[in-house]
Amino acid sequence: MTTEPIVTLPETGPLHAPLDGLLATSAVRLPYQHNVLLRSFVLERPGGNMIVYNSPGINSSAEAIMDRGGAARLLINHAHEAMYGAPEFDIPVYVHEGDRAEVAGSLPVSAVFDRRQMIGEDLEVIPTPGHTAGTTSYLWNNGDRRFLFTGDFIWIEHGEWKAVVLDEHLRGDYLASLAQVRDLDFDVLVPWGTTDDGPPFGLVGGKDEIRSRVDAVMDRVRAGGRR
C-alpha cells in the first residue's frame, strides 16, 4: 500500500492536474473497452515542454497547450496510439525504431529512438518492448516527483497493475522489460489508459512496492497469462 495520500483535483477545463506536477488532457474512452479512459500528458520543462501519448485530448486541449508554451515533441509509447491520427497542430513526433513503420502510416515521424538515452537532464527514454516491438517508457523527474509513463505495457485495471501481452513471440521481451522496470526508482506510474473507477495514475510508496507489484505482473506473464 502507498504511504502517501492520493490527492486528485477536479477534471475541469482542457488541461487539468490530476496530481500536483502532472498535467493531463481530457480523457476519451477506448473504443473497444469502454471502461478504459485514455489521456495525453503535458510535461512542463525548462528545456521545452513535451507531450507523452497521442490521443484526441491533444486537439481538444490545443489552445491550453499553446498558452503554456506549446510542446517541442510528441513522445509515442507504442504504435497503437497512431489510430487517432496526427494532432491538428504541428509537433514533431518521436517513436522507437521498432514501431516506426506502423506509426508512420498515420503520423509524420520526425525522429526515432533505438536505445536508452536522456532528453536533457530530467527525461529518460527507456525501451520496454513486449506490448509491441517498439514500446518505449519515459521516466521524468520534475524535481518533486519521478513519473514513469508506461503506455499499455503496464496499465492500471481497478487499481491493479496489469500487462497487455498481444504477441507470443514478444513474451520473452515483455518479461525482460518488466525486470528492467522492477529495478527503476519512481514515485508515480502514469499509463496511457486506466479503468474509469480510479485516477489516471498510481502512486507508489517506494522500491519495495514497485518490486512487489511488478513481480505480480511477471508471475502472470511467465505463467502464460495476457494480463
Protein backbone atom coordinates (compact mmCIF):
# COMPACT_ATOMS: atom_id res chain seq x y z
CA MET A 1 0.00 0.00 0.00
CA THR A 2 1.18 3.53 -0.71
CA THR A 3 2.12 5.62 2.29
CA GLU A 4 1.27 8.89 0.54
CA PRO A 5 -2.37 10.00 0.27
CA ILE A 6 -3.80 10.25 -3.23
CA VAL A 7 -4.71 13.86 -3.98
CA THR A 8 -6.90 14.39 -7.02
CA LEU A 9 -8.19 17.62 -8.46
CA PRO A 10 -11.43 18.03 -10.44
CA GLU A 11 -11.18 17.17 -14.13
CA THR A 12 -12.22 20.55 -15.45
CA GLY A 13 -11.08 22.50 -18.48
CA PRO A 14 -8.98 21.38 -21.43
CA LEU A 15 -5.98 20.70 -19.19
CA HIS A 16 -6.19 19.66 -15.56
CA ALA A 17 -3.87 18.44 -12.83
CA PRO A 18 -4.95 15.03 -11.52
CA LEU A 19 -1.84 15.19 -9.33
CA ASP A 20 0.35 18.13 -8.46
CA GLY A 21 3.02 18.39 -11.16
CA LEU A 22 1.11 16.28 -13.70
CA LEU A 23 -0.93 17.93 -16.48
CA ALA A 24 -3.49 15.78 -18.30
CA THR A 25 -5.67 16.38 -21.32
CA SER A 26 -9.35 15.48 -21.28
CA ALA A 27 -9.99 11.73 -21.36
CA VAL A 28 -11.55 9.61 -24.09
CA ARG A 29 -12.90 6.08 -23.83
CA LEU A 30 -11.03 3.28 -25.54
CA PRO A 31 -13.28 2.28 -28.46
CA TYR A 32 -13.08 -1.47 -27.81
CA GLN A 33 -13.05 -1.36 -23.97
CA HIS A 34 -15.40 1.37 -22.82
CA ASN A 35 -14.45 1.33 -19.15
CA VAL A 36 -10.88 2.37 -20.06
CA LEU A 37 -10.01 6.07 -20.25
CA LEU A 38 -7.08 7.33 -22.33
CA ARG A 39 -5.21 10.60 -21.83
CA SER A 40 -2.19 12.51 -23.06
CA PHE A 41 0.07 14.28 -20.59
CA VAL A 42 1.95 17.58 -20.89
CA LEU A 43 5.36 17.74 -19.22
CA GLU A 44 6.24 21.33 -18.36
CA ARG A 45 10.03 21.52 -18.59
CA PRO A 46 12.57 24.35 -18.70
CA GLY A 47 14.18 22.63 -21.68
CA GLY A 48 10.92 22.55 -23.65
CA ASN A 49 7.52 21.06 -22.95
CA MET A 50 6.79 17.51 -24.07
CA ILE A 51 3.56 15.62 -24.69
CA VAL A 52 3.51 11.92 -23.83
CA TYR A 53 0.97 9.70 -25.65
CA ASN A 54 -1.17 10.52 -28.65
CA SER A 55 -4.91 10.85 -28.05
CA PRO A 56 -7.85 13.05 -29.13
CA GLY A 57 -7.29 15.05 -25.95
CA ILE A 58 -4.35 16.81 -27.61
CA ASN A 59 -6.66 18.52 -30.08
CA SER A 60 -9.32 19.41 -27.51
CA SER A 61 -6.55 20.87 -25.31
CA ALA A 62 -4.58 22.53 -28.12
CA GLU A 63 -5.29 26.14 -27.10
CA ALA A 64 -4.43 25.45 -23.47
CA ILE A 65 -1.22 23.68 -24.52
CA MET A 66 -0.22 26.68 -26.64
CA ASP A 67 -0.98 29.03 -23.76
CA ARG A 68 1.57 27.09 -21.71
CA GLY A 69 4.27 27.47 -24.35
CA GLY A 70 3.35 24.70 -26.77
CA ALA A 71 5.30 21.48 -26.95
CA ALA A 72 8.64 20.59 -28.52
CA ARG A 73 7.87 16.90 -29.11
CA LEU A 74 5.14 14.28 -29.00
CA LEU A 75 6.60 11.14 -27.44
CA ILE A 76 4.87 7.97 -28.60
CA ASN A 77 4.88 4.96 -26.27
CA HIS A 78 3.72 2.41 -28.83
CA ALA A 79 2.27 2.09 -32.31
CA HIS A 80 -1.41 1.74 -31.34
CA GLU A 81 -1.52 5.45 -30.48
CA ALA A 82 -1.37 6.13 -34.22
CA MET A 83 -5.02 5.08 -34.56
CA TYR A 84 -6.02 8.63 -33.58
CA GLY A 85 -4.06 10.26 -36.39
CA ALA A 86 -1.89 13.36 -36.27
CA PRO A 87 -2.63 16.27 -33.92
CA GLU A 88 -4.17 19.30 -35.56
CA PHE A 89 -1.16 21.48 -34.75
CA ASP A 90 2.44 21.00 -35.84
CA ILE A 91 4.50 18.97 -33.37
CA PRO A 92 7.47 16.68 -34.08
CA VAL A 93 6.66 13.01 -33.41
CA TYR A 94 9.24 10.71 -31.81
CA VAL A 95 8.88 6.93 -31.62
CA HIS A 96 11.08 3.87 -31.22
CA GLU A 97 12.53 2.40 -34.39
CA GLY A 98 10.66 -0.85 -33.74
CA ASP A 99 7.26 0.83 -34.17
CA ARG A 100 8.23 3.42 -36.74
CA ALA A 101 6.72 1.74 -39.80
CA GLU A 102 3.30 1.29 -38.21
CA VAL A 103 3.21 4.80 -36.74
CA ALA A 104 4.39 6.45 -39.96
CA GLY A 105 1.24 5.32 -41.73
CA SER A 106 -0.79 7.81 -39.67
CA LEU A 107 1.70 10.20 -38.07
CA PRO A 108 4.64 12.08 -39.62
CA VAL A 109 7.61 10.64 -37.71
CA SER A 110 10.37 13.19 -37.14
CA ALA A 111 12.92 11.00 -35.36
CA VAL A 112 13.31 7.60 -33.74
CA PHE A 113 14.86 6.13 -30.60
CA ASP A 114 16.91 2.94 -30.72
CA ARG A 115 18.40 2.77 -27.21
CA ARG A 116 18.07 4.01 -23.66
CA GLN A 117 19.01 7.68 -23.55
CA MET A 118 18.35 11.05 -21.90
CA ILE A 119 16.47 14.07 -23.19
CA GLY A 120 18.03 16.89 -21.22
CA GLU A 121 18.80 16.10 -17.60
CA ASP A 122 15.29 15.24 -16.46
CA LEU A 123 13.69 12.89 -19.01
CA GLU A 124 14.90 9.35 -19.74
CA VAL A 125 13.87 7.26 -22.74
CA ILE A 126 13.66 3.58 -21.75
CA PRO A 127 12.82 1.00 -24.45
CA THR A 128 10.47 -1.60 -22.94
CA PRO A 129 9.50 -3.92 -25.81
CA GLY A 130 6.85 -6.54 -25.26
CA HIS A 131 3.43 -5.00 -25.79
CA THR A 132 4.78 -4.06 -29.23
CA ALA A 133 8.29 -4.41 -30.61
CA GLY A 134 8.98 -0.69 -30.10
CA THR A 135 7.14 0.08 -26.87
CA THR A 136 9.09 2.77 -25.01
CA SER A 137 8.60 4.12 -21.50
CA TYR A 138 9.60 7.57 -20.30
CA LEU A 139 10.89 8.46 -16.83
CA TRP A 140 10.53 12.14 -15.96
CA ASN A 141 11.94 13.81 -12.85
CA ASN A 142 10.24 17.19 -12.41
CA GLY A 143 12.20 17.96 -9.26
CA ASP A 144 9.45 16.86 -6.89
CA ARG A 145 8.34 13.51 -8.26
CA ARG A 146 9.56 10.86 -10.69
CA PHE A 147 6.83 9.93 -13.18
CA LEU A 148 7.10 6.72 -15.21
CA PHE A 149 4.98 6.70 -18.38
CA THR A 150 4.45 3.10 -19.48
CA GLY A 151 1.63 3.29 -22.06
CA ASP A 152 -0.15 -0.09 -22.26
CA PHE A 153 2.98 -2.03 -21.30
CA ILE A 154 1.93 -1.62 -17.66
CA TRP A 155 -1.54 -0.17 -17.14
CA ILE A 156 -3.92 0.08 -14.17
CA GLU A 157 -7.08 -2.01 -14.07
CA HIS A 158 -9.27 -1.47 -10.98
CA GLY A 159 -6.20 -0.35 -9.04
CA GLU A 160 -4.02 -3.32 -10.05
CA TRP A 161 -1.00 -3.09 -12.34
CA LYS A 162 -1.53 -5.27 -15.39
CA ALA A 163 0.24 -6.28 -18.61
CA VAL A 164 -1.23 -6.49 -22.11
CA VAL A 165 0.50 -9.35 -23.93
CA LEU A 166 -0.55 -9.43 -27.59
CA ASP A 167 2.24 -11.31 -29.36
CA GLU A 168 3.55 -14.65 -28.07
CA HIS A 169 6.81 -14.02 -29.89
CA LEU A 170 7.38 -10.97 -27.67
CA ARG A 171 6.63 -12.66 -24.33
CA GLY A 172 10.33 -13.05 -23.55
CA ASP A 173 10.94 -9.39 -24.36
CA TYR A 174 7.98 -8.48 -22.14
CA LEU A 175 9.48 -10.31 -19.18
CA ALA A 176 12.89 -8.69 -19.73
CA SER A 177 11.26 -5.25 -19.88
CA LEU A 178 9.30 -5.90 -16.70
CA ALA A 179 12.52 -6.94 -14.97
CA GLN A 180 14.05 -3.63 -16.06
CA VAL A 181 11.13 -1.62 -14.67
CA ARG A 182 11.26 -3.63 -11.45
CA ASP A 183 14.65 -2.05 -10.73
CA LEU A 184 13.68 1.53 -11.58
CA ASP A 185 13.07 4.19 -8.93
CA PHE A 186 9.88 6.21 -9.46
CA ASP A 187 7.05 7.74 -7.46
CA VAL A 188 4.12 7.70 -9.88
CA LEU A 189 3.07 5.23 -12.57
CA VAL A 190 1.27 7.00 -15.43
CA PRO A 191 -0.13 4.64 -18.09
CA TRP A 192 -1.88 5.66 -21.30
CA GLY A 193 -5.09 4.12 -20.04
CA THR A 194 -6.73 3.23 -16.73
CA THR A 195 -10.16 1.91 -15.84
CA ASP A 196 -12.68 4.62 -15.06
CA ASP A 197 -13.05 3.67 -11.39
CA GLY A 198 -9.77 5.27 -10.34
CA PRO A 199 -7.31 8.11 -11.01
CA PRO A 200 -5.14 8.16 -14.15
CA PHE A 201 -2.02 7.32 -12.15
CA GLY A 202 -0.73 5.05 -9.41
CA LEU A 203 1.29 6.38 -6.51
CA VAL A 204 3.97 4.07 -5.14
CA GLY A 205 5.34 4.02 -1.63
CA GLY A 206 8.88 3.01 -2.54
CA LYS A 207 11.02 0.43 -4.29
CA ASP A 208 9.60 -2.48 -2.30
CA GLU A 209 6.12 -1.71 -3.61
CA ILE A 210 7.41 -1.38 -7.17
CA ARG A 211 9.07 -4.78 -6.93
CA SER A 212 6.01 -6.39 -5.38
CA ARG A 213 3.61 -5.04 -7.99
CA VAL A 214 5.89 -5.81 -10.94
CA ASP A 215 6.62 -9.28 -9.57
CA ALA A 216 2.87 -10.00 -9.62
CA VAL A 217 2.69 -8.94 -13.28
CA MET A 218 5.75 -11.02 -14.14
CA ASP A 219 4.29 -14.12 -12.45
CA ARG A 220 1.15 -13.91 -14.58
CA VAL A 221 3.06 -13.26 -17.82
CA ARG A 222 5.57 -16.05 -17.06
CA ALA A 223 2.67 -18.45 -16.47
CA GLY A 224 1.25 -17.70 -19.93
CA GLY A 225 -1.28 -15.04 -18.95
CA ARG A 226 -2.00 -11.99 -21.07
CA ARG A 227 -2.66 -9.61 -18.18
